[in-house]
Amino acid sequence: MTPTTPEDRPCAPSAPGLVEHFFRREYGRLVAALTRKAGVRHLESVEDAVQSSLMTALMSWAAQGVPEDAGAWLYRVAYNNLVDDLRRKNGRKQILERAVDRVDRESEDERPVYFASEVADDTLRMLFICCDDAIPRESQLVFALKTLCGFSVSEIALRLFTSDANVYKRFARARDRLREIAPELGTPPLDALKSRLPSVQAVLYQLFNEGYLSSHAEEAIRRELCDEAVRLTTLLAEHPIGAVPGTFALLALMLLHAARLGARRDATGGLLLLEEQDRSLWDREGMRLGAEWLERSATGDVFSRFHAEAGIAAEHCFATSFDQTRWKEIANLYAMLERIDPSPLHTMNRAVAVAEWQGPAAGLAVLKAVTPPAWLAGSYLWDAVLGDLHRRAGNVEIAQRHRDRALASAPTEAVRDLLRRRLR
């Protein structure tokens, strides 16, 4: 983390926003580091300690300014909170004394030594631990997003097209199961790492998506989540277990999308449609890196959903203009994605590409055969696409009905403003 100078430190009114920014970025690292010391059995105490450090920061930073090393400050406060809580609740002095001794012996120059098969990053290692095969896949995802990525229950529910109640159930199921199996906090065995890789990739995918189009009411884009997803996926791609074409494609997808982040908002912070973006603001170096990782992913005989999505992102990135986009190729990639990972969401997106390629009537014809499940039919995405295609096809009344429903169910005001411009 880059230290702040006295001139950079915010005045009191802006401190709460900065606290949340640092906390969002550091949350997973704090939980992972403290859980490694205290053990998974004490995960609730770890989370309470980390949350408490935020409350302390809100009061302290507003009065005294942001410390030079905000991440270290949060860690020390969270660690002290954890030690106090464990001593008060459990009286496990021997465990605590060993943890305290380890911390006291640590210095900035001392780093643990890892074998080639181990995962050196605390957060990435905890992701593999959370994705234990004994936990149902949907519960793994919820648990990792909430515990290590700092997502709220409502954010997870929106991303996974489910209810808050289901998120709570899945989280509790995963937490209880982890307590039962009490995993070691070192790197899991190699065979376990291999079987857990798809779940870890899924968590990183969702982490990036939340940053790219946030469900947070006041932040349409959360760059720190995208950056953390790219960081962790890069580490995964460099690890012997994660260095596979699917991970390379996932990293390419993230880098290509991240390259366009700087052009996705206007001067007031509102979201811009793809056709409204100034392409000269796109990050050419990020596009180059994304293309390199996409090329690396084209090895072996595996073609994953990440390959298809990265290919779609590349088509958008390297088109010279919106009108010059190769929509036929994008439609074909979505068709491939449907075969690899069947979902009405992919069909819906293919319909959008077909409409740009062959006209709105052709896009509507693609959707005519689709009966959307309840989770999609109630989503703003479905109504927004139908509203746009019917509007362009001249079906004014039908378009208006879908437009009204899309605006009513949009998760944030930023998305609502975007839809108003798209569907007017």
Protein backbone atom coordinates (compact mmCIF):
# COMPACT_ATOMS: atom_id res chain seq x y z
CA MET A 1 0.00 0.00 0.00
CA THR A 2 1.35 3.47 -0.87
CA PRO A 3 1.91 5.57 2.26
CA THR A 4 0.11 8.90 2.46
CA THR A 5 2.03 12.10 3.09
CA PRO A 6 0.68 14.72 5.52
CA GLU A 7 -0.45 16.79 2.54
CA ASP A 8 -2.33 13.80 1.15
CA ARG A 9 -4.17 13.01 4.35
CA PRO A 10 -7.86 13.85 4.21
CA CYS A 11 -9.67 16.25 6.44
CA ALA A 12 -12.23 14.79 8.82
CA PRO A 13 -15.31 14.98 6.56
CA SER A 14 -13.69 12.67 3.95
CA ALA A 15 -12.22 10.22 6.46
CA PRO A 16 -15.21 7.83 6.52
CA GLY A 17 -15.00 7.34 2.76
CA LEU A 18 -11.29 6.65 2.96
CA VAL A 19 -11.79 4.23 5.83
CA GLU A 20 -14.25 2.24 3.73
CA HIS A 21 -11.87 2.32 0.74
CA PHE A 22 -8.95 0.96 2.78
CA PHE A 23 -11.19 -1.52 4.56
CA ARG A 24 -12.68 -2.89 1.34
CA ARG A 25 -9.21 -3.38 -0.05
CA GLU A 26 -7.69 -4.88 3.10
CA TYR A 27 -10.62 -6.90 4.48
CA GLY A 28 -9.77 -10.24 2.90
CA ARG A 29 -6.08 -9.92 3.70
CA LEU A 30 -6.81 -9.14 7.34
CA VAL A 31 -9.19 -12.08 7.72
CA ALA A 32 -6.79 -14.45 5.95
CA ALA A 33 -3.75 -13.37 7.97
CA LEU A 34 -5.51 -13.50 11.34
CA THR A 35 -7.26 -16.79 10.60
CA ARG A 36 -3.89 -18.31 9.80
CA LYS A 37 -2.71 -17.37 13.29
CA ALA A 38 -5.86 -18.20 15.28
CA GLY A 39 -7.32 -21.12 13.30
CA VAL A 40 -10.54 -21.61 11.35
CA ARG A 41 -12.40 -22.52 14.55
CA HIS A 42 -12.05 -18.89 15.60
CA LEU A 43 -13.21 -17.42 12.29
CA GLU A 44 -16.17 -15.59 13.85
CA SER A 45 -13.86 -13.95 16.36
CA VAL A 46 -11.53 -12.98 13.52
CA GLU A 47 -14.36 -11.37 11.57
CA ASP A 48 -15.58 -9.52 14.67
CA ALA A 49 -12.05 -8.26 15.31
CA VAL A 50 -11.66 -7.03 11.75
CA GLN A 51 -15.07 -5.33 11.80
CA SER A 52 -14.21 -3.70 15.10
CA SER A 53 -11.00 -2.33 13.61
CA LEU A 54 -13.12 -0.50 11.03
CA MET A 55 -15.20 1.15 13.74
CA THR A 56 -12.04 2.20 15.56
CA ALA A 57 -10.62 3.61 12.33
CA LEU A 58 -13.79 5.60 11.67
CA MET A 59 -13.37 7.40 14.97
CA SER A 60 -9.59 7.65 15.06
CA TRP A 61 -8.94 8.66 11.46
CA ALA A 62 -11.65 11.30 11.50
CA ALA A 63 -10.02 12.95 14.51
CA GLN A 64 -6.33 12.38 13.81
CA GLY A 65 -6.05 11.77 10.07
CA VAL A 66 -5.18 8.63 8.13
CA PRO A 67 -1.94 6.96 9.35
CA GLU A 68 0.97 6.61 6.96
CA ASP A 69 0.62 2.83 6.71
CA ALA A 70 -3.14 2.40 6.98
CA GLY A 71 -3.02 -1.33 6.22
CA ALA A 72 -0.55 -2.04 9.02
CA TRP A 73 -2.59 0.15 11.38
CA LEU A 74 -5.76 -1.84 10.65
CA TYR A 75 -3.91 -5.14 11.07
CA ARG A 76 -2.48 -4.19 14.44
CA VAL A 77 -5.84 -2.98 15.79
CA ALA A 78 -7.63 -6.08 14.46
CA TYR A 79 -4.95 -8.35 15.91
CA ASN A 80 -5.20 -6.72 19.35
CA ASN A 81 -8.99 -7.02 19.21
CA LEU A 82 -8.69 -10.70 18.37
CA VAL A 83 -6.23 -11.43 21.17
CA ASP A 84 -8.44 -9.64 23.72
CA ASP A 85 -11.55 -11.45 22.49
CA LEU A 86 -9.98 -14.91 22.55
CA ARG A 87 -8.49 -14.32 25.98
CA ARG A 88 -11.87 -13.18 27.30
CA LYS A 89 -13.95 -15.93 25.67
CA ASN A 90 -11.70 -18.94 25.68
CA GLY A 91 -8.78 -18.37 27.99
CA ARG A 92 -6.61 -20.36 25.61
CA LYS A 93 -3.41 -18.82 26.90
CA GLN A 94 -1.02 -21.32 25.38
CA ILE A 95 -2.39 -20.76 21.89
CA LEU A 96 -2.37 -17.02 22.40
CA GLU A 97 1.13 -16.98 23.81
CA ARG A 98 2.41 -18.89 20.80
CA ALA A 99 0.63 -16.46 18.46
CA VAL A 100 1.99 -13.46 20.35
CA ASP A 101 5.49 -14.95 20.30
CA ARG A 102 5.27 -15.42 16.54
CA VAL A 103 4.17 -11.84 16.01
CA ASP A 104 6.87 -10.49 18.31
CA ARG A 105 9.52 -12.45 16.42
CA GLU A 106 8.36 -11.18 13.06
CA SER A 107 10.13 -8.23 11.50
CA GLU A 108 9.73 -6.45 8.22
CA ASP A 109 12.83 -8.21 6.91
CA GLU A 110 11.69 -11.72 7.88
CA ARG A 111 9.48 -13.65 5.49
CA PRO A 112 8.33 -17.27 5.75
CA VAL A 113 9.91 -19.78 3.39
CA TYR A 114 7.54 -21.67 1.07
CA PHE A 115 8.02 -24.80 -0.98
CA ALA A 116 7.25 -24.63 -4.68
CA SER A 117 3.93 -26.41 -4.19
CA GLU A 118 2.72 -24.01 -1.48
CA VAL A 119 0.62 -20.87 -1.90
CA ALA A 120 2.53 -17.96 -0.43
CA ASP A 121 -0.27 -15.37 -0.41
CA ASP A 122 -2.51 -15.55 2.68
CA THR A 123 -5.70 -14.57 0.85
CA LEU A 124 -5.21 -16.98 -2.03
CA ARG A 125 -4.32 -19.80 0.35
CA MET A 126 -7.49 -19.10 2.37
CA LEU A 127 -9.50 -19.21 -0.84
CA PHE A 128 -8.29 -22.76 -1.41
CA ILE A 129 -9.15 -23.63 2.20
CA CYS A 130 -12.66 -22.14 1.86
CA CYS A 131 -13.23 -24.14 -1.33
CA ASP A 132 -12.92 -27.50 0.46
CA ASP A 133 -14.64 -30.28 -1.47
CA ALA A 134 -16.61 -31.21 1.66
CA ILE A 135 -18.56 -27.95 1.29
CA PRO A 136 -21.24 -27.67 -1.44
CA ARG A 137 -20.05 -25.55 -4.37
CA GLU A 138 -22.67 -22.82 -3.90
CA SER A 139 -21.78 -22.53 -0.22
CA GLN A 140 -18.07 -22.32 -1.03
CA LEU A 141 -18.73 -19.33 -3.26
CA VAL A 142 -20.90 -17.52 -0.73
CA PHE A 143 -18.47 -18.17 2.12
CA ALA A 144 -15.42 -16.96 0.20
CA LEU A 145 -17.14 -13.86 -1.16
CA LYS A 146 -18.36 -12.82 2.27
CA THR A 147 -15.38 -13.81 4.40
CA LEU A 148 -12.44 -13.02 2.14
CA CYS A 149 -13.85 -10.50 -0.32
CA GLY A 150 -15.91 -8.43 2.13
CA PHE A 151 -19.16 -8.70 0.15
CA SER A 152 -22.41 -7.93 1.94
CA VAL A 153 -25.23 -10.47 1.91
CA SER A 154 -27.27 -8.33 -0.48
CA GLU A 155 -24.33 -7.96 -2.88
CA ILE A 156 -23.86 -11.73 -2.97
CA ALA A 157 -27.58 -12.32 -3.47
CA LEU A 158 -27.65 -9.94 -6.44
CA ARG A 159 -24.57 -11.53 -8.04
CA LEU A 160 -25.86 -15.09 -7.63
CA PHE A 161 -29.50 -14.31 -8.49
CA THR A 162 -30.79 -15.62 -5.18
CA SER A 163 -32.34 -14.31 -1.95
CA ASP A 164 -30.67 -12.90 1.15
CA ALA A 165 -32.10 -15.82 3.14
CA ASN A 166 -30.42 -18.35 0.83
CA VAL A 167 -27.11 -16.53 1.16
CA TYR A 168 -27.35 -16.69 4.98
CA LYS A 169 -28.11 -20.42 4.83
CA ARG A 170 -25.25 -21.19 2.49
CA PHE A 171 -22.82 -19.12 4.54
CA ALA A 172 -23.82 -20.85 7.79
CA ARG A 173 -23.55 -24.28 6.14
CA ALA A 174 -20.02 -23.57 4.93
CA ARG A 175 -18.88 -22.10 8.25
CA ASP A 176 -20.23 -25.05 10.23
CA ARG A 177 -18.64 -27.53 7.86
CA LEU A 178 -15.25 -25.82 8.11
CA ARG A 179 -15.46 -26.04 11.88
CA GLU A 180 -16.17 -29.76 11.66
CA ILE A 181 -13.30 -30.59 9.36
CA ALA A 182 -10.96 -28.07 11.07
CA PRO A 183 -8.56 -27.79 8.12
CA GLU A 184 -4.89 -27.10 8.56
CA LEU A 185 -4.00 -23.52 7.75
CA GLY A 186 -1.06 -24.40 5.55
CA THR A 187 -1.42 -25.02 1.85
CA PRO A 188 -3.72 -28.01 1.16
CA PRO A 189 -2.18 -31.08 -0.54
CA LEU A 190 -1.59 -30.87 -4.28
CA ASP A 191 -4.47 -33.18 -5.18
CA ALA A 192 -6.82 -31.00 -3.12
CA LEU A 193 -5.53 -27.87 -4.83
CA LYS A 194 -6.33 -29.35 -8.23
CA SER A 195 -9.89 -30.28 -7.33
CA ARG A 196 -10.55 -26.87 -5.77
CA LEU A 197 -9.19 -24.81 -8.65
CA PRO A 198 -12.56 -24.34 -10.47
CA SER A 199 -14.15 -23.00 -7.27
CA VAL A 200 -11.28 -20.59 -6.67
CA GLN A 201 -11.58 -19.36 -10.26
CA ALA A 202 -15.32 -18.83 -9.77
CA VAL A 203 -14.74 -16.69 -6.66
CA LEU A 204 -12.15 -14.53 -8.42
CA TYR A 205 -14.51 -14.12 -11.39
CA GLN A 206 -17.29 -12.85 -9.13
CA LEU A 207 -14.89 -10.59 -7.25
CA PHE A 208 -13.88 -8.88 -10.48
CA ASN A 209 -17.48 -8.60 -11.69
CA GLU A 210 -18.55 -6.83 -8.52
CA GLY A 211 -15.78 -4.30 -9.04
CA TYR A 212 -16.58 -3.85 -12.73
CA LEU A 213 -20.29 -3.14 -12.18
CA SER A 214 -20.91 -2.71 -8.49
CA SER A 215 -24.16 -3.33 -6.64
CA HIS A 216 -23.00 -0.72 -4.11
CA ALA A 217 -25.46 2.19 -4.05
CA GLU A 218 -22.80 4.90 -4.10
CA GLU A 219 -20.06 3.27 -6.20
CA ALA A 220 -20.85 2.22 -9.74
CA ILE A 221 -17.29 0.92 -10.20
CA ARG A 222 -15.03 -0.36 -7.41
CA ARG A 223 -11.57 -0.34 -8.87
CA GLU A 224 -9.98 -1.81 -5.74
CA LEU A 225 -11.97 -5.03 -6.17
CA CYS A 226 -10.90 -5.33 -9.81
CA ASP A 227 -7.28 -4.72 -8.83
CA GLU A 228 -7.42 -7.34 -6.08
CA ALA A 229 -9.02 -9.88 -8.42
CA VAL A 230 -6.28 -9.26 -11.00
CA ARG A 231 -3.59 -9.55 -8.32
CA LEU A 232 -4.88 -12.85 -6.98
CA THR A 233 -5.51 -14.30 -10.43
CA THR A 234 -1.98 -13.35 -11.49
CA LEU A 235 -0.62 -15.18 -8.44
CA LEU A 236 -2.81 -18.15 -9.32
CA ALA A 237 -1.59 -18.15 -12.92
CA GLU A 238 2.01 -18.19 -11.67
CA HIS A 239 1.45 -21.12 -9.29
CA PRO A 240 2.11 -24.64 -10.64
CA ILE A 241 -1.47 -25.73 -9.86
CA GLY A 242 -3.12 -22.64 -11.30
CA ALA A 243 -0.92 -22.31 -14.40
CA VAL A 244 -3.51 -23.82 -16.75
CA PRO A 245 -5.25 -22.44 -19.84
CA GLY A 246 -8.48 -21.71 -17.95
CA THR A 247 -6.69 -19.45 -15.45
CA PHE A 248 -4.79 -17.71 -18.25
CA ALA A 249 -8.09 -17.03 -20.03
CA LEU A 250 -9.67 -15.72 -16.81
CA LEU A 251 -6.75 -13.33 -16.29
CA ALA A 252 -6.99 -12.21 -19.92
CA LEU A 253 -10.70 -11.53 -19.45
CA MET A 254 -10.04 -9.39 -16.37
CA LEU A 255 -7.20 -7.42 -17.96
CA LEU A 256 -9.19 -6.69 -21.11
CA HIS A 257 -12.18 -5.47 -19.12
CA ALA A 258 -10.00 -3.51 -16.71
CA ALA A 259 -8.37 -1.73 -19.66
CA ARG A 260 -11.70 0.00 -20.32
CA LEU A 261 -12.44 1.05 -16.74
CA GLY A 262 -11.05 4.57 -17.16
CA ALA A 263 -13.56 5.36 -19.90
CA ARG A 264 -16.68 3.86 -18.32
CA ARG A 265 -17.66 6.95 -16.32
CA ASP A 266 -18.45 10.51 -17.31
CA ALA A 267 -17.27 13.67 -15.55
CA THR A 268 -19.98 13.31 -12.89
CA GLY A 269 -19.20 9.65 -12.16
CA GLY A 270 -22.14 8.24 -14.13
CA LEU A 271 -21.80 5.07 -16.19
CA LEU A 272 -21.29 5.33 -19.95
CA LEU A 273 -22.59 2.93 -22.58
CA LEU A 274 -19.98 1.16 -24.70
CA GLU A 275 -20.86 3.29 -27.73
CA GLU A 276 -20.45 6.47 -25.64
CA GLN A 277 -16.95 5.70 -24.38
CA ASP A 278 -13.86 7.58 -25.57
CA ARG A 279 -11.69 4.73 -26.82
CA SER A 280 -8.56 6.86 -26.66
CA LEU A 281 -8.84 6.58 -22.86
CA TRP A 282 -8.61 2.78 -22.94
CA ASP A 283 -5.43 1.40 -21.38
CA ARG A 284 -3.33 0.11 -24.28
CA GLU A 285 -0.82 -1.60 -22.02
CA GLY A 286 -3.63 -3.43 -20.23
CA MET A 287 -5.04 -4.48 -23.61
CA ARG A 288 -1.62 -5.75 -24.67
CA LEU A 289 -1.21 -7.79 -21.48
CA GLY A 290 -4.71 -9.17 -21.85
CA ALA A 291 -3.95 -10.24 -25.41
CA GLU A 292 -0.74 -11.93 -24.28
CA TRP A 293 -2.52 -13.96 -21.61
CA LEU A 294 -5.28 -14.84 -24.09
CA GLU A 295 -2.61 -16.14 -26.46
CA ARG A 296 -1.08 -18.18 -23.63
CA SER A 297 -4.50 -19.69 -22.91
CA ALA A 298 -4.70 -21.11 -26.44
CA THR A 299 -2.76 -24.24 -25.52
CA GLY A 300 -3.99 -27.76 -24.98
CA ASP A 301 -7.43 -29.01 -25.94
CA VAL A 302 -9.55 -27.27 -23.24
CA PHE A 303 -11.89 -24.44 -24.22
CA SER A 304 -13.57 -22.99 -21.11
CA ARG A 305 -16.20 -20.34 -20.53
CA PHE A 306 -13.35 -17.98 -19.67
CA HIS A 307 -11.87 -18.52 -23.14
CA ALA A 308 -15.18 -17.57 -24.77
CA GLU A 309 -15.71 -14.52 -22.55
CA ALA A 310 -12.12 -13.34 -23.01
CA GLY A 311 -12.56 -13.68 -26.76
CA ILE A 312 -15.68 -11.51 -26.57
CA ALA A 313 -13.83 -8.92 -24.48
CA ALA A 314 -10.99 -8.90 -27.02
CA GLU A 315 -13.42 -8.26 -29.88
CA HIS A 316 -14.75 -5.20 -28.04
CA CYS A 317 -11.27 -3.95 -27.06
CA PHE A 318 -9.67 -4.19 -30.48
CA ALA A 319 -12.58 -2.91 -32.57
CA THR A 320 -11.69 0.52 -33.95
CA SER A 321 -15.21 1.81 -33.20
CA PHE A 322 -18.58 0.58 -31.98
CA ASP A 323 -19.86 0.42 -35.56
CA GLN A 324 -16.81 -1.58 -36.67
CA THR A 325 -17.24 -4.23 -33.96
CA ARG A 326 -17.35 -7.76 -35.38
CA TRP A 327 -20.77 -8.66 -33.97
CA LYS A 328 -20.99 -11.88 -35.97
CA GLU A 329 -17.89 -13.21 -34.22
CA ILE A 330 -19.25 -12.10 -30.84
CA ALA A 331 -22.56 -13.85 -31.52
CA ASN A 332 -20.67 -17.02 -32.45
CA LEU A 333 -18.61 -16.84 -29.26
CA TYR A 334 -21.78 -16.52 -27.20
CA ALA A 335 -23.16 -19.58 -29.01
CA MET A 336 -20.01 -21.48 -28.01
CA LEU A 337 -20.44 -20.23 -24.45
CA GLU A 338 -24.00 -21.56 -24.40
CA ARG A 339 -22.75 -25.00 -25.37
CA ILE A 340 -19.99 -25.00 -22.74
CA ASP A 341 -22.03 -23.49 -19.93
CA PRO A 342 -25.76 -23.49 -20.79
CA SER A 343 -27.52 -20.47 -19.31
CA PRO A 344 -30.35 -18.19 -20.46
CA LEU A 345 -28.03 -15.28 -19.61
CA HIS A 346 -25.70 -16.34 -22.41
CA THR A 347 -28.63 -16.71 -24.80
CA MET A 348 -29.79 -13.22 -23.85
CA ASN A 349 -26.36 -11.79 -24.56
CA ARG A 350 -26.18 -13.64 -27.87
CA ALA A 351 -29.51 -12.04 -28.81
CA VAL A 352 -27.99 -8.61 -28.19
CA ALA A 353 -25.03 -9.42 -30.44
CA VAL A 354 -27.31 -10.86 -33.14
CA ALA A 355 -29.42 -7.68 -33.01
CA GLU A 356 -26.32 -5.55 -33.64
CA TRP A 357 -25.31 -7.87 -36.46
CA GLN A 358 -28.63 -8.62 -38.19
CA GLY A 359 -31.12 -6.20 -36.65
CA PRO A 360 -33.51 -6.14 -33.65
CA ALA A 361 -36.03 -8.56 -35.21
CA ALA A 362 -33.32 -11.22 -35.44
CA GLY A 363 -32.38 -10.60 -31.81
CA LEU A 364 -36.01 -10.97 -30.71
CA ALA A 365 -36.25 -14.22 -32.68
CA VAL A 366 -33.39 -15.64 -30.59
CA LEU A 367 -35.27 -14.81 -27.38
CA LYS A 368 -38.61 -16.13 -28.61
CA ALA A 369 -37.54 -19.69 -27.83
CA VAL A 370 -36.38 -18.80 -24.31
CA THR A 371 -38.59 -19.16 -21.24
CA PRO A 372 -36.61 -17.29 -18.61
CA PRO A 373 -36.45 -18.84 -15.14
CA ALA A 374 -37.88 -16.78 -12.29
CA TRP A 375 -34.48 -15.47 -11.20
CA LEU A 376 -33.87 -13.99 -14.65
CA ALA A 377 -37.43 -12.93 -15.46
CA GLY A 378 -37.40 -10.80 -12.31
CA SER A 379 -34.04 -9.25 -13.12
CA TYR A 380 -33.62 -5.82 -14.66
CA LEU A 381 -31.28 -7.38 -17.23
CA TRP A 382 -34.01 -9.37 -18.98
CA ASP A 383 -36.43 -6.45 -19.19
CA ALA A 384 -33.69 -4.05 -20.27
CA VAL A 385 -32.74 -6.25 -23.24
CA LEU A 386 -36.36 -6.84 -24.29
CA GLY A 387 -37.15 -3.16 -23.85
CA ASP A 388 -34.22 -2.15 -26.05
CA LEU A 389 -34.92 -4.69 -28.80
CA HIS A 390 -38.65 -3.92 -28.95
CA ARG A 391 -37.92 -0.17 -28.98
CA ARG A 392 -35.56 -0.59 -31.92
CA ALA A 393 -38.06 -2.85 -33.66
CA GLY A 394 -40.78 -0.19 -33.35
CA ASN A 395 -42.91 -2.05 -30.77
CA VAL A 396 -43.43 1.04 -28.63
CA GLU A 397 -45.99 -0.20 -26.10
CA ILE A 398 -44.21 -3.48 -25.41
CA ALA A 399 -40.91 -1.64 -25.11
CA GLN A 400 -42.42 0.77 -22.58
CA ARG A 401 -43.68 -2.05 -20.35
CA HIS A 402 -40.25 -3.69 -20.26
CA ARG A 403 -38.56 -0.32 -19.76
CA ASP A 404 -40.71 0.47 -16.73
CA ARG A 405 -40.00 -2.93 -15.17
CA ALA A 406 -36.27 -2.64 -15.84
CA LEU A 407 -36.07 0.79 -14.21
CA ALA A 408 -38.09 -0.39 -11.21
CA SER A 409 -35.81 -3.37 -10.54
CA ALA A 410 -32.44 -1.75 -11.31
CA PRO A 411 -30.13 -2.27 -8.31
CA THR A 412 -28.57 1.21 -8.19
CA GLU A 413 -29.25 4.73 -9.40
CA ALA A 414 -26.16 4.59 -11.64
CA VAL A 415 -27.55 1.56 -13.47
CA ARG A 416 -30.98 3.22 -13.62
CA ASP A 417 -29.51 6.31 -15.28
CA LEU A 418 -27.69 4.11 -17.78
CA LEU A 419 -30.92 2.30 -18.64
CA ARG A 420 -32.81 5.57 -19.11
CA ARG A 421 -30.35 6.66 -21.77
CA ARG A 422 -30.28 3.25 -23.42
CA LEU A 423 -34.05 2.76 -23.48
CA ARG A 424 -35.31 6.28 -24.13
